[in-house]
């Protein structure tokens, strides 16, 4: 008898010839009688039909190259707002960003939508956010790509244009958590954030809504 490993297709064919009584170790008696139906909100139906898309995490944390949670998750060093912004964010320079290449990659793969982070938990905005409450640790600069890093190209607008020209739906991810905003502090045990008070929460919401509108 041959000792060559079976391919996935061979296993499926073997199961079919055996009367389909076994599917990768699961007895047929345990299979669900009918498929479960999902209820999809009408405004999300396009997404349900699209099925395949790209989600891009891109922000000043990309300079470190080890994920979008570095500000909270790193223990050596244990970042403060000021140290993170001077040693990470200030060095972020996305001049190699190529919106056309990214959108074409998505199209070639058959993707129907693309989502990119406009602002992740670090609180750094990838566009000219222009809301007074979102400043850097010194309180002198808007904490965003345009003002903090003096980077002029609008990368989000570029990517939106390239996606839409290829028939790919474009979306933005905006984090409600904001480790930089004065209303919040990092909860390192849970990797999330704590609001300093109810009034601070109200103040954050008043900043967040116009920030979302001009994104």
Protein backbone atom coordinates (compact mmCIF):
# COMPACT_ATOMS: atom_id res chain seq x y z
CA UNK A 1 0.00 0.00 0.00
CA UNK A 2 1.34 3.43 -0.93
CA UNK A 3 2.53 5.59 1.95
CA UNK A 4 2.08 8.84 -0.01
CA UNK A 5 0.02 11.41 1.92
CA UNK A 6 -3.56 11.91 0.79
CA UNK A 7 -4.53 15.23 -0.68
CA UNK A 8 -7.61 17.09 0.57
CA UNK A 9 -9.37 16.20 -2.68
CA UNK A 10 -8.53 12.51 -2.21
CA UNK A 11 -10.00 12.54 1.29
CA UNK A 12 -13.21 14.15 0.05
CA UNK A 13 -13.50 11.61 -2.79
CA UNK A 14 -12.90 8.74 -0.39
CA UNK A 15 -15.63 10.03 1.92
CA UNK A 16 -18.02 10.28 -1.03
CA UNK A 17 -17.35 6.68 -2.11
CA UNK A 18 -17.92 5.56 1.47
CA UNK A 19 -21.43 6.96 1.40
CA UNK A 20 -20.46 10.24 3.05
CA UNK A 21 -20.88 8.68 6.47
CA UNK A 22 -17.84 10.48 7.78
CA UNK A 23 -16.58 13.99 7.08
CA UNK A 24 -13.16 14.59 8.62
CA UNK A 25 -14.08 12.58 11.70
CA UNK A 26 -17.56 14.04 12.25
CA UNK A 27 -20.36 11.43 12.09
CA UNK A 28 -23.20 12.34 9.76
CA UNK A 29 -25.66 12.04 12.65
CA UNK A 30 -24.04 15.10 14.22
CA UNK A 31 -24.36 17.30 11.13
CA UNK A 32 -26.98 20.09 11.43
CA UNK A 33 -30.22 19.15 9.64
CA UNK A 34 -30.46 22.54 7.91
CA UNK A 35 -28.16 25.48 7.38
CA UNK A 36 -28.70 28.42 9.68
CA UNK A 37 -30.07 31.54 8.02
CA UNK A 38 -28.48 34.91 8.72
CA UNK A 39 -30.47 38.11 8.93
CA UNK A 40 -28.58 40.93 7.23
CA UNK A 41 -29.53 44.58 7.59
CA UNK A 42 -30.38 46.06 4.19
CA UNK A 43 -27.60 48.66 4.41
CA UNK A 44 -25.07 45.87 4.98
CA UNK A 45 -26.35 43.59 2.24
CA UNK A 46 -23.66 44.76 -0.20
CA UNK A 47 -20.99 43.71 2.30
CA UNK A 48 -22.59 40.31 2.83
CA UNK A 49 -22.66 39.78 -0.94
CA UNK A 50 -19.11 41.09 -1.43
CA UNK A 51 -17.63 38.56 1.03
CA UNK A 52 -13.97 39.26 0.18
CA UNK A 53 -12.10 42.44 1.00
CA UNK A 54 -8.96 43.96 2.47
CA UNK A 55 -8.48 45.56 5.91
CA UNK A 56 -5.34 47.68 6.31
CA UNK A 57 -3.91 48.73 9.67
CA UNK A 58 -1.68 51.72 8.96
CA UNK A 59 -0.63 54.47 11.34
CA UNK A 60 2.41 55.85 13.12
CA UNK A 61 2.79 52.45 14.87
CA UNK A 62 3.78 51.12 11.44
CA UNK A 63 7.20 52.68 12.02
CA UNK A 64 7.87 49.99 14.65
CA UNK A 65 6.62 47.20 12.40
CA UNK A 66 5.10 45.09 15.15
CA UNK A 67 1.41 45.85 15.22
CA UNK A 68 -1.05 48.59 16.03
CA UNK A 69 -1.15 47.88 19.81
CA UNK A 70 2.51 48.75 20.49
CA UNK A 71 1.72 51.88 22.52
CA UNK A 72 -0.21 49.76 25.01
CA UNK A 73 1.38 46.33 24.68
CA UNK A 74 5.12 47.15 24.74
CA UNK A 75 6.78 46.69 28.13
CA UNK A 76 10.36 47.54 27.17
CA UNK A 77 10.08 50.42 26.82
CA UNK A 78 6.83 51.22 28.62
CA UNK A 79 5.63 54.11 26.50
CA UNK A 80 4.33 57.40 27.80
CA UNK A 81 2.46 59.73 25.47
CA UNK A 82 5.45 62.01 25.09
CA UNK A 83 8.05 59.24 24.62
CA UNK A 84 5.87 57.41 22.09
CA UNK A 85 5.26 60.54 20.08
CA UNK A 86 8.92 61.62 20.05
CA UNK A 87 10.41 58.16 19.41
CA UNK A 88 7.74 56.60 17.19
CA UNK A 89 5.26 59.03 15.67
CA UNK A 90 7.79 61.74 14.84
CA UNK A 91 9.80 59.20 12.81
CA UNK A 92 6.82 57.95 10.81
CA UNK A 93 7.20 58.93 7.14
CA UNK A 94 4.88 57.10 4.71
CA UNK A 95 6.45 58.53 1.56
CA UNK A 96 6.51 55.07 -0.05
CA UNK A 97 2.72 54.72 0.23
CA UNK A 98 1.31 53.92 -3.21
CA UNK A 99 -2.48 54.01 -3.35
CA UNK A 100 -2.66 52.73 -6.93
CA UNK A 101 -0.54 49.68 -6.13
CA UNK A 102 -2.66 48.80 -3.11
CA UNK A 103 -5.96 49.21 -4.95
CA UNK A 104 -4.69 47.21 -7.92
CA UNK A 105 -3.57 44.41 -5.62
CA UNK A 106 -7.07 44.27 -4.15
CA UNK A 107 -8.65 44.23 -7.60
CA UNK A 108 -6.31 41.53 -8.90
CA UNK A 109 -7.21 39.35 -5.92
CA UNK A 110 -10.93 39.75 -6.64
CA UNK A 111 -11.63 41.85 -3.56
CA UNK A 112 -14.83 43.91 -3.52
CA UNK A 113 -14.05 46.36 -0.71
CA UNK A 114 -11.13 47.88 1.18
CA UNK A 115 -11.01 49.41 4.67
CA UNK A 116 -8.10 51.36 6.15
CA UNK A 117 -7.52 52.81 9.62
CA UNK A 118 -8.19 56.54 9.71
CA UNK A 119 -7.37 56.59 13.44
CA UNK A 120 -6.43 53.67 15.65
CA UNK A 121 -6.17 53.44 19.45
CA UNK A 122 -2.92 55.45 19.56
CA UNK A 123 -5.05 58.51 18.73
CA UNK A 124 -3.03 59.53 15.68
CA UNK A 125 -5.16 60.63 12.73
CA UNK A 126 -4.11 59.78 9.19
CA UNK A 127 -5.69 62.94 7.76
CA UNK A 128 -5.82 66.66 8.55
CA UNK A 129 -8.25 66.13 11.44
CA UNK A 130 -8.35 69.80 12.56
CA UNK A 131 -10.22 69.33 15.86
CA UNK A 132 -8.67 71.33 18.75
CA UNK A 133 -9.09 68.55 21.34
CA UNK A 134 -6.83 66.13 19.49
CA UNK A 135 -3.40 67.59 20.12
CA UNK A 136 -0.05 65.97 20.85
CA UNK A 137 1.37 65.53 24.36
CA UNK A 138 2.75 69.08 24.36
CA UNK A 139 -0.61 70.58 23.38
CA UNK A 140 1.02 72.57 20.59
CA UNK A 141 0.31 70.47 17.49
CA UNK A 142 -2.66 68.59 16.11
CA UNK A 143 -1.82 64.90 16.51
CA UNK A 144 -2.22 63.88 12.90
CA UNK A 145 -0.17 63.09 9.81
CA UNK A 146 -0.63 66.54 8.28
CA UNK A 147 0.23 68.73 11.27
CA UNK A 148 2.40 66.61 13.57
CA UNK A 149 4.57 65.15 10.78
CA UNK A 150 4.13 67.97 8.27
CA UNK A 151 3.17 65.39 5.65
CA UNK A 152 1.07 67.06 2.98
CA UNK A 153 -0.34 64.28 0.71
CA UNK A 154 -3.82 63.06 1.68
CA UNK A 155 -3.23 59.30 1.63
CA UNK A 156 -6.81 58.39 2.52
CA UNK A 157 -8.22 60.50 -0.30
CA UNK A 158 -5.72 58.99 -2.73
CA UNK A 159 -6.68 55.47 -1.77
CA UNK A 160 -10.39 56.27 -1.95
CA UNK A 161 -9.97 57.60 -5.50
CA UNK A 162 -7.97 54.57 -6.63
CA UNK A 163 -10.44 52.11 -5.11
CA UNK A 164 -13.52 53.77 -6.55
CA UNK A 165 -11.95 53.97 -10.02
CA UNK A 166 -11.69 50.17 -9.90
CA UNK A 167 -15.19 49.56 -8.57
CA UNK A 168 -13.93 48.68 -5.07
CA UNK A 169 -15.96 50.01 -2.16
CA UNK A 170 -13.87 52.11 0.24
CA UNK A 171 -14.30 52.34 3.99
CA UNK A 172 -12.57 53.87 7.02
CA UNK A 173 -11.98 52.48 10.50
CA UNK A 174 -12.12 55.06 13.29
CA UNK A 175 -11.23 53.94 16.82
CA UNK A 176 -13.38 55.21 19.68
CA UNK A 177 -10.55 54.26 22.04
CA UNK A 178 -7.96 57.03 22.08
CA UNK A 179 -4.90 56.62 24.30
CA UNK A 180 -3.71 60.13 23.47
CA UNK A 181 -6.85 62.13 24.22
CA UNK A 182 -6.78 63.73 27.73
CA UNK A 183 -10.08 62.04 28.60
CA UNK A 184 -8.55 58.55 28.56
CA UNK A 185 -5.68 56.56 30.04
CA UNK A 186 -4.39 53.17 28.93
CA UNK A 187 -5.70 50.19 30.86
CA UNK A 188 -2.64 48.02 30.26
CA UNK A 189 -4.17 45.02 31.99
CA UNK A 190 -7.00 44.86 29.48
CA UNK A 191 -5.30 46.70 26.59
CA UNK A 192 -8.20 49.14 26.40
CA UNK A 193 -8.69 52.53 28.07
CA UNK A 194 -10.32 54.09 31.10
CA UNK A 195 -12.28 57.36 31.06
CA UNK A 196 -11.11 59.73 33.77
CA UNK A 197 -14.67 60.93 34.50
CA UNK A 198 -18.16 61.25 33.05
CA UNK A 199 -17.52 64.88 32.18
CA UNK A 200 -14.33 63.84 30.38
CA UNK A 201 -16.36 61.27 28.46
CA UNK A 202 -18.78 63.99 27.37
CA UNK A 203 -15.87 66.18 26.31
CA UNK A 204 -14.39 63.35 24.27
CA UNK A 205 -17.68 62.70 22.48
CA UNK A 206 -17.90 66.40 21.64
CA UNK A 207 -14.44 66.16 20.05
CA UNK A 208 -14.99 62.78 18.42
CA UNK A 209 -18.11 63.61 16.44
CA UNK A 210 -16.65 66.54 14.46
CA UNK A 211 -13.47 64.51 14.00
CA UNK A 212 -15.50 61.72 12.39
CA UNK A 213 -17.40 64.19 10.21
CA UNK A 214 -14.27 65.69 8.67
CA UNK A 215 -12.54 62.34 8.19
